[in-house]
């Protein structure tokens, strides 16, 4: 059964609309790493327009500000995540890890395979 494995995908919703999943997590991480929305878009191979639309949708649904921005000028613009956004990302990853661990355990029990047989 080495070829058979379990996969799970989780995301957070606000009022039935997707708010935070793996893709948006990667986007926020790239913004934090690069200090810039446009640099994050380039790193992820996405258009600035698509990234901006994603950020606007997230910020409209978020219960708190996600980013702190400085408008461009001589030194260029900058963006960083708020402490609340960083905490949200940490909590999301913790939940994602726990869900995946639980799925792995359930898979092992339901399909009667040992952990050595399970590919991760």
N, C-alpha and C. Protein backbone atom coordinates (compact mmCIF):
# COMPACT_ATOMS: atom_id res chain seq x y z
N UNK A 1 0.82 -1.21 0.00
CA UNK A 1 0.00 0.00 0.00
C UNK A 1 0.85 1.26 0.00
N UNK A 2 2.09 1.18 -0.36
CA UNK A 2 2.95 2.35 -0.32
C UNK A 2 2.46 3.46 -1.25
N UNK A 3 1.76 3.11 -2.33
CA UNK A 3 1.29 4.13 -3.25
C UNK A 3 0.06 4.87 -2.73
N UNK A 4 -0.69 4.25 -1.86
CA UNK A 4 -1.91 4.84 -1.33
C UNK A 4 -1.57 5.74 -0.15
N UNK A 5 -2.04 6.95 -0.20
CA UNK A 5 -1.80 7.88 0.91
C UNK A 5 -2.97 8.84 1.04
N UNK A 6 -3.05 9.48 2.15
CA UNK A 6 -4.15 10.40 2.43
C UNK A 6 -3.65 11.83 2.23
N UNK A 7 -4.54 12.67 1.76
CA UNK A 7 -4.26 14.10 1.62
C UNK A 7 -5.46 14.87 2.16
N UNK A 8 -5.18 16.02 2.71
CA UNK A 8 -6.27 16.88 3.18
C UNK A 8 -5.93 18.31 2.85
N UNK A 9 -6.97 19.09 2.70
CA UNK A 9 -6.79 20.51 2.39
C UNK A 9 -7.76 21.28 3.27
N UNK A 10 -7.24 22.27 3.96
CA UNK A 10 -8.10 23.07 4.82
C UNK A 10 -7.98 24.53 4.45
N UNK A 11 -8.99 25.27 4.78
CA UNK A 11 -8.97 26.71 4.59
C UNK A 11 -9.94 27.32 5.57
N UNK A 12 -9.79 28.60 5.80
CA UNK A 12 -10.69 29.33 6.68
C UNK A 12 -11.65 30.12 5.81
N UNK A 13 -12.89 30.22 6.25
CA UNK A 13 -13.90 30.99 5.53
C UNK A 13 -14.47 32.06 6.44
N UNK A 14 -14.93 33.12 5.81
CA UNK A 14 -15.68 34.18 6.49
C UNK A 14 -16.96 34.36 5.70
N UNK A 15 -18.09 34.15 6.36
CA UNK A 15 -19.40 34.26 5.72
C UNK A 15 -19.48 33.45 4.44
N UNK A 16 -18.96 32.22 4.48
CA UNK A 16 -19.05 31.32 3.34
C UNK A 16 -18.06 31.58 2.22
N UNK A 17 -17.21 32.58 2.37
CA UNK A 17 -16.22 32.90 1.35
C UNK A 17 -14.83 32.52 1.85
N UNK A 18 -14.03 31.95 0.95
CA UNK A 18 -12.67 31.57 1.31
C UNK A 18 -11.89 32.79 1.79
N UNK A 19 -11.20 32.62 2.92
CA UNK A 19 -10.44 33.72 3.50
C UNK A 19 -8.95 33.40 3.52
N UNK A 20 -8.58 32.24 4.05
CA UNK A 20 -7.17 31.88 4.14
C UNK A 20 -7.00 30.39 3.90
N UNK A 21 -6.19 30.08 2.91
CA UNK A 21 -5.83 28.70 2.58
C UNK A 21 -4.35 28.69 2.24
N UNK A 22 -3.90 27.60 1.66
CA UNK A 22 -2.48 27.46 1.36
C UNK A 22 -1.96 28.55 0.42
N UNK A 23 -2.71 28.86 -0.63
CA UNK A 23 -2.26 29.87 -1.58
C UNK A 23 -2.13 31.25 -0.96
N UNK A 24 -3.13 31.66 -0.24
CA UNK A 24 -3.08 32.97 0.40
C UNK A 24 -2.05 33.00 1.52
N UNK A 25 -1.84 31.86 2.17
CA UNK A 25 -0.78 31.77 3.18
C UNK A 25 0.57 32.02 2.52
N UNK A 26 0.81 31.37 1.38
CA UNK A 26 2.07 31.58 0.65
C UNK A 26 2.23 33.05 0.24
N UNK A 27 1.13 33.67 -0.16
CA UNK A 27 1.17 35.08 -0.55
C UNK A 27 1.57 35.96 0.64
N UNK A 28 0.91 35.78 1.77
CA UNK A 28 1.25 36.58 2.94
C UNK A 28 2.69 36.33 3.39
N UNK A 29 3.13 35.08 3.33
CA UNK A 29 4.51 34.76 3.70
C UNK A 29 5.49 35.48 2.77
N UNK A 30 5.19 35.50 1.48
CA UNK A 30 6.07 36.16 0.51
C UNK A 30 6.12 37.66 0.75
N UNK A 31 5.00 38.25 1.12
CA UNK A 31 4.98 39.69 1.43
C UNK A 31 5.86 39.96 2.65
N UNK A 32 5.72 39.13 3.67
CA UNK A 32 6.52 39.32 4.87
C UNK A 32 8.02 39.15 4.58
N UNK A 33 8.36 38.15 3.79
CA UNK A 33 9.76 37.90 3.43
C UNK A 33 10.36 39.02 2.59
N UNK A 34 9.58 39.49 1.62
CA UNK A 34 10.10 40.46 0.64
C UNK A 34 9.89 41.91 1.05
N UNK A 35 8.97 42.16 1.96
CA UNK A 35 8.69 43.54 2.37
C UNK A 35 8.01 44.36 1.31
N UNK A 36 7.41 43.67 0.33
CA UNK A 36 6.80 44.37 -0.79
C UNK A 36 5.77 43.47 -1.46
N UNK A 37 4.64 44.07 -1.82
CA UNK A 37 3.60 43.32 -2.52
C UNK A 37 4.08 42.95 -3.92
N UNK A 38 4.67 43.89 -4.63
CA UNK A 38 5.12 43.61 -6.00
C UNK A 38 6.24 42.57 -6.02
N UNK A 39 7.15 42.63 -5.06
CA UNK A 39 8.22 41.62 -5.00
C UNK A 39 7.65 40.25 -4.68
N UNK A 40 6.65 40.20 -3.82
CA UNK A 40 6.00 38.94 -3.49
C UNK A 40 5.32 38.35 -4.73
N UNK A 41 4.65 39.20 -5.49
CA UNK A 41 3.98 38.75 -6.72
C UNK A 41 5.00 38.17 -7.69
N UNK A 42 6.12 38.87 -7.87
CA UNK A 42 7.17 38.37 -8.77
C UNK A 42 7.71 37.02 -8.29
N UNK A 43 7.98 36.92 -7.00
CA UNK A 43 8.53 35.68 -6.45
C UNK A 43 7.58 34.50 -6.67
N UNK A 44 6.29 34.75 -6.56
CA UNK A 44 5.30 33.69 -6.71
C UNK A 44 4.88 33.47 -8.16
N UNK A 45 5.36 34.30 -9.06
CA UNK A 45 5.00 34.17 -10.46
C UNK A 45 3.56 34.57 -10.75
N UNK A 46 3.05 35.51 -9.97
CA UNK A 46 1.68 35.99 -10.13
C UNK A 46 1.69 37.44 -10.59
N UNK A 47 0.61 37.84 -11.23
CA UNK A 47 0.52 39.25 -11.62
C UNK A 47 0.22 40.10 -10.39
N UNK A 48 0.69 41.32 -10.41
CA UNK A 48 0.42 42.24 -9.32
C UNK A 48 -1.08 42.42 -9.16
N UNK A 49 -1.78 42.51 -10.28
CA UNK A 49 -3.22 42.71 -10.25
C UNK A 49 -3.93 41.57 -9.52
N UNK A 50 -3.52 40.32 -9.81
CA UNK A 50 -4.13 39.16 -9.13
C UNK A 50 -3.84 39.20 -7.64
N UNK A 51 -2.60 39.49 -7.29
CA UNK A 51 -2.21 39.56 -5.88
C UNK A 51 -2.99 40.66 -5.18
N UNK A 52 -3.10 41.81 -5.80
CA UNK A 52 -3.82 42.93 -5.20
C UNK A 52 -5.28 42.56 -4.97
N UNK A 53 -5.91 41.88 -5.93
CA UNK A 53 -7.31 41.46 -5.77
C UNK A 53 -7.46 40.49 -4.60
N UNK A 54 -6.51 39.55 -4.47
CA UNK A 54 -6.56 38.60 -3.36
C UNK A 54 -6.45 39.34 -2.02
N UNK A 55 -5.52 40.28 -1.96
CA UNK A 55 -5.31 41.03 -0.71
C UNK A 55 -6.53 41.87 -0.36
N UNK A 56 -7.13 42.50 -1.35
CA UNK A 56 -8.33 43.30 -1.09
C UNK A 56 -9.46 42.43 -0.56
N UNK A 57 -9.64 41.25 -1.15
CA UNK A 57 -10.69 40.34 -0.69
C UNK A 57 -10.43 39.90 0.75
N UNK A 58 -9.18 39.59 1.04
CA UNK A 58 -8.83 39.17 2.40
C UNK A 58 -9.05 40.30 3.40
N UNK A 59 -8.58 41.48 3.04
CA UNK A 59 -8.70 42.60 3.98
C UNK A 59 -10.15 43.00 4.21
N UNK A 60 -10.99 42.87 3.19
CA UNK A 60 -12.40 43.19 3.35
C UNK A 60 -13.08 42.25 4.34
N UNK A 61 -12.64 41.00 4.38
CA UNK A 61 -13.26 40.00 5.25
C UNK A 61 -12.59 39.89 6.62
N UNK A 62 -11.36 40.35 6.73
CA UNK A 62 -10.59 40.17 7.97
C UNK A 62 -11.17 40.97 9.12
N UNK A 63 -11.12 40.39 10.31
CA UNK A 63 -11.61 41.12 11.49
C UNK A 63 -10.59 42.12 12.03
N UNK A 64 -9.44 42.22 11.38
CA UNK A 64 -8.38 43.14 11.81
C UNK A 64 -7.51 43.45 10.59
N UNK A 65 -6.74 44.54 10.64
CA UNK A 65 -5.85 44.85 9.51
C UNK A 65 -4.81 43.75 9.33
N UNK A 66 -4.53 43.42 8.07
CA UNK A 66 -3.55 42.38 7.76
C UNK A 66 -2.17 42.94 7.47
N UNK A 67 -2.14 44.14 6.89
CA UNK A 67 -0.85 44.68 6.46
C UNK A 67 -0.68 46.13 6.87
N UNK A 68 0.58 46.48 7.01
CA UNK A 68 0.98 47.87 7.18
C UNK A 68 1.73 48.23 5.92
N UNK A 69 1.31 49.32 5.25
CA UNK A 69 1.92 49.70 3.98
C UNK A 69 2.48 51.09 4.03
N UNK A 70 3.55 51.25 3.26
CA UNK A 70 4.10 52.58 3.03
C UNK A 70 4.06 52.79 1.53
N UNK A 71 3.41 53.87 1.11
CA UNK A 71 3.25 54.16 -0.31
C UNK A 71 4.61 54.44 -0.93
N UNK A 72 4.76 54.02 -2.18
CA UNK A 72 6.03 54.20 -2.90
C UNK A 72 6.41 55.66 -3.05
N UNK A 73 7.57 55.88 -3.45
CA UNK A 73 8.14 57.21 -3.64
C UNK A 73 9.58 57.03 -4.02
N UNK A 74 10.40 57.92 -3.55
CA UNK A 74 11.82 57.83 -3.90
C UNK A 74 12.44 56.50 -3.50
N UNK A 75 12.15 56.02 -2.30
CA UNK A 75 12.70 54.75 -1.83
C UNK A 75 11.84 53.55 -2.17
N UNK A 76 10.69 53.78 -2.80
CA UNK A 76 9.77 52.70 -3.12
C UNK A 76 8.84 52.40 -1.97
N UNK A 77 7.81 51.65 -2.24
CA UNK A 77 6.84 51.29 -1.21
C UNK A 77 7.32 50.11 -0.40
N UNK A 78 6.59 49.85 0.66
CA UNK A 78 6.93 48.71 1.51
C UNK A 78 5.64 48.17 2.12
N UNK A 79 5.68 46.90 2.46
CA UNK A 79 4.54 46.26 3.10
C UNK A 79 5.05 45.24 4.10
N UNK A 80 4.36 45.14 5.22
CA UNK A 80 4.66 44.10 6.20
C UNK A 80 3.35 43.67 6.83
N UNK A 81 3.37 42.51 7.44
CA UNK A 81 2.16 42.00 8.07
C UNK A 81 2.04 42.54 9.49
N UNK A 82 0.80 42.73 9.90
CA UNK A 82 0.54 43.18 11.27
C UNK A 82 0.80 42.03 12.23
N UNK A 83 1.00 42.34 13.50
CA UNK A 83 1.16 41.25 14.49
C UNK A 83 -0.03 40.29 14.49
N UNK A 84 -1.24 40.82 14.28
CA UNK A 84 -2.43 39.96 14.25
C UNK A 84 -2.39 39.00 13.06
N UNK A 85 -1.93 39.49 11.91
CA UNK A 85 -1.83 38.63 10.72
C UNK A 85 -0.78 37.55 10.94
N UNK A 86 0.34 37.92 11.54
CA UNK A 86 1.39 36.93 11.83
C UNK A 86 0.87 35.85 12.78
N UNK A 87 0.10 36.26 13.79
CA UNK A 87 -0.48 35.30 14.73
C UNK A 87 -1.48 34.39 14.02
N UNK A 88 -2.31 34.96 13.14
CA UNK A 88 -3.27 34.19 12.38
C UNK A 88 -2.56 33.13 11.54
N UNK A 89 -1.46 33.51 10.90
CA UNK A 89 -0.70 32.57 10.08
C UNK A 89 -0.12 31.44 10.93
N UNK A 90 0.39 31.79 12.09
CA UNK A 90 0.94 30.77 13.00
C UNK A 90 -0.16 29.80 13.43
N UNK A 91 -1.33 30.33 13.78
CA UNK A 91 -2.44 29.49 14.20
C UNK A 91 -2.93 28.60 13.05
N UNK A 92 -2.96 29.15 11.84
CA UNK A 92 -3.38 28.39 10.67
C UNK A 92 -2.44 27.21 10.44
N UNK A 93 -1.14 27.46 10.51
CA UNK A 93 -0.17 26.38 10.29
C UNK A 93 -0.25 25.33 11.39
N UNK A 94 -0.47 25.76 12.61
CA UNK A 94 -0.63 24.81 13.72
C UNK A 94 -1.85 23.92 13.47
N UNK A 95 -2.95 24.53 13.07
CA UNK A 95 -4.17 23.77 12.78
C UNK A 95 -3.93 22.83 11.60
N UNK A 96 -3.29 23.32 10.56
CA UNK A 96 -3.00 22.51 9.37
C UNK A 96 -2.15 21.28 9.75
N UNK A 97 -1.14 21.50 10.57
CA UNK A 97 -0.28 20.40 11.02
C UNK A 97 -1.09 19.38 11.81
N UNK A 98 -1.93 19.85 12.72
CA UNK A 98 -2.74 18.94 13.53
C UNK A 98 -3.73 18.15 12.69
N UNK A 99 -4.37 18.81 11.73
CA UNK A 99 -5.33 18.13 10.85
C UNK A 99 -4.61 17.06 10.04
N UNK A 100 -3.46 17.40 9.48
CA UNK A 100 -2.70 16.42 8.69
C UNK A 100 -2.23 15.25 9.55
N UNK A 101 -1.78 15.53 10.77
CA UNK A 101 -1.36 14.45 11.68
C UNK A 101 -2.54 13.53 12.00
N UNK A 102 -3.70 14.13 12.26
CA UNK A 102 -4.89 13.33 12.56
C UNK A 102 -5.31 12.51 11.34
N UNK A 103 -5.21 13.08 10.16
CA UNK A 103 -5.55 12.34 8.94
C UNK A 103 -4.59 11.17 8.74
N UNK A 104 -3.31 11.39 9.01
CA UNK A 104 -2.32 10.30 8.89
C UNK A 104 -2.63 9.17 9.87
N UNK A 105 -2.96 9.53 11.11
CA UNK A 105 -3.29 8.50 12.12
C UNK A 105 -4.54 7.73 11.70
N UNK A 106 -5.55 8.45 11.26
CA UNK A 106 -6.80 7.81 10.85
C UNK A 106 -6.56 6.90 9.65
N UNK A 107 -5.77 7.35 8.71
CA UNK A 107 -5.43 6.54 7.54
C UNK A 107 -4.75 5.25 7.97
N UNK A 108 -3.79 5.37 8.86
CA UNK A 108 -3.06 4.19 9.33
C UNK A 108 -4.00 3.19 9.99
N UNK A 109 -4.95 3.70 10.77
CA UNK A 109 -5.89 2.83 11.46
C UNK A 109 -6.92 2.23 10.50
N UNK A 110 -7.47 3.05 9.63
CA UNK A 110 -8.53 2.59 8.72
C UNK A 110 -8.02 1.65 7.65
N UNK A 111 -6.79 1.85 7.21
CA UNK A 111 -6.24 1.03 6.14
C UNK A 111 -5.24 0.00 6.67
N UNK A 112 -5.17 -0.09 7.99
CA UNK A 112 -4.35 -1.11 8.65
C UNK A 112 -2.92 -1.13 8.11
N UNK A 113 -2.31 0.05 8.12
CA UNK A 113 -0.90 0.16 7.70
C UNK A 113 -0.11 0.76 8.84
N UNK A 114 1.14 0.36 8.96
CA UNK A 114 2.01 0.93 9.98
C UNK A 114 2.56 2.25 9.48
N UNK A 115 3.08 3.05 10.37
CA UNK A 115 3.63 4.35 9.98
C UNK A 115 4.81 4.20 9.04
N UNK A 116 5.51 3.07 9.08
CA UNK A 116 6.63 2.87 8.16
C UNK A 116 6.14 2.72 6.73
N UNK A 117 4.88 2.25 6.58
CA UNK A 117 4.31 2.04 5.25
C UNK A 117 3.68 3.30 4.67
N UNK A 118 3.45 4.32 5.50
CA UNK A 118 2.74 5.51 5.07
C UNK A 118 3.73 6.52 4.51
N UNK A 119 3.44 6.98 3.28
CA UNK A 119 4.27 8.04 2.67
C UNK A 119 3.71 9.37 3.10
N UNK A 120 4.59 10.31 3.41
CA UNK A 120 4.15 11.64 3.78
C UNK A 120 4.66 12.65 2.80
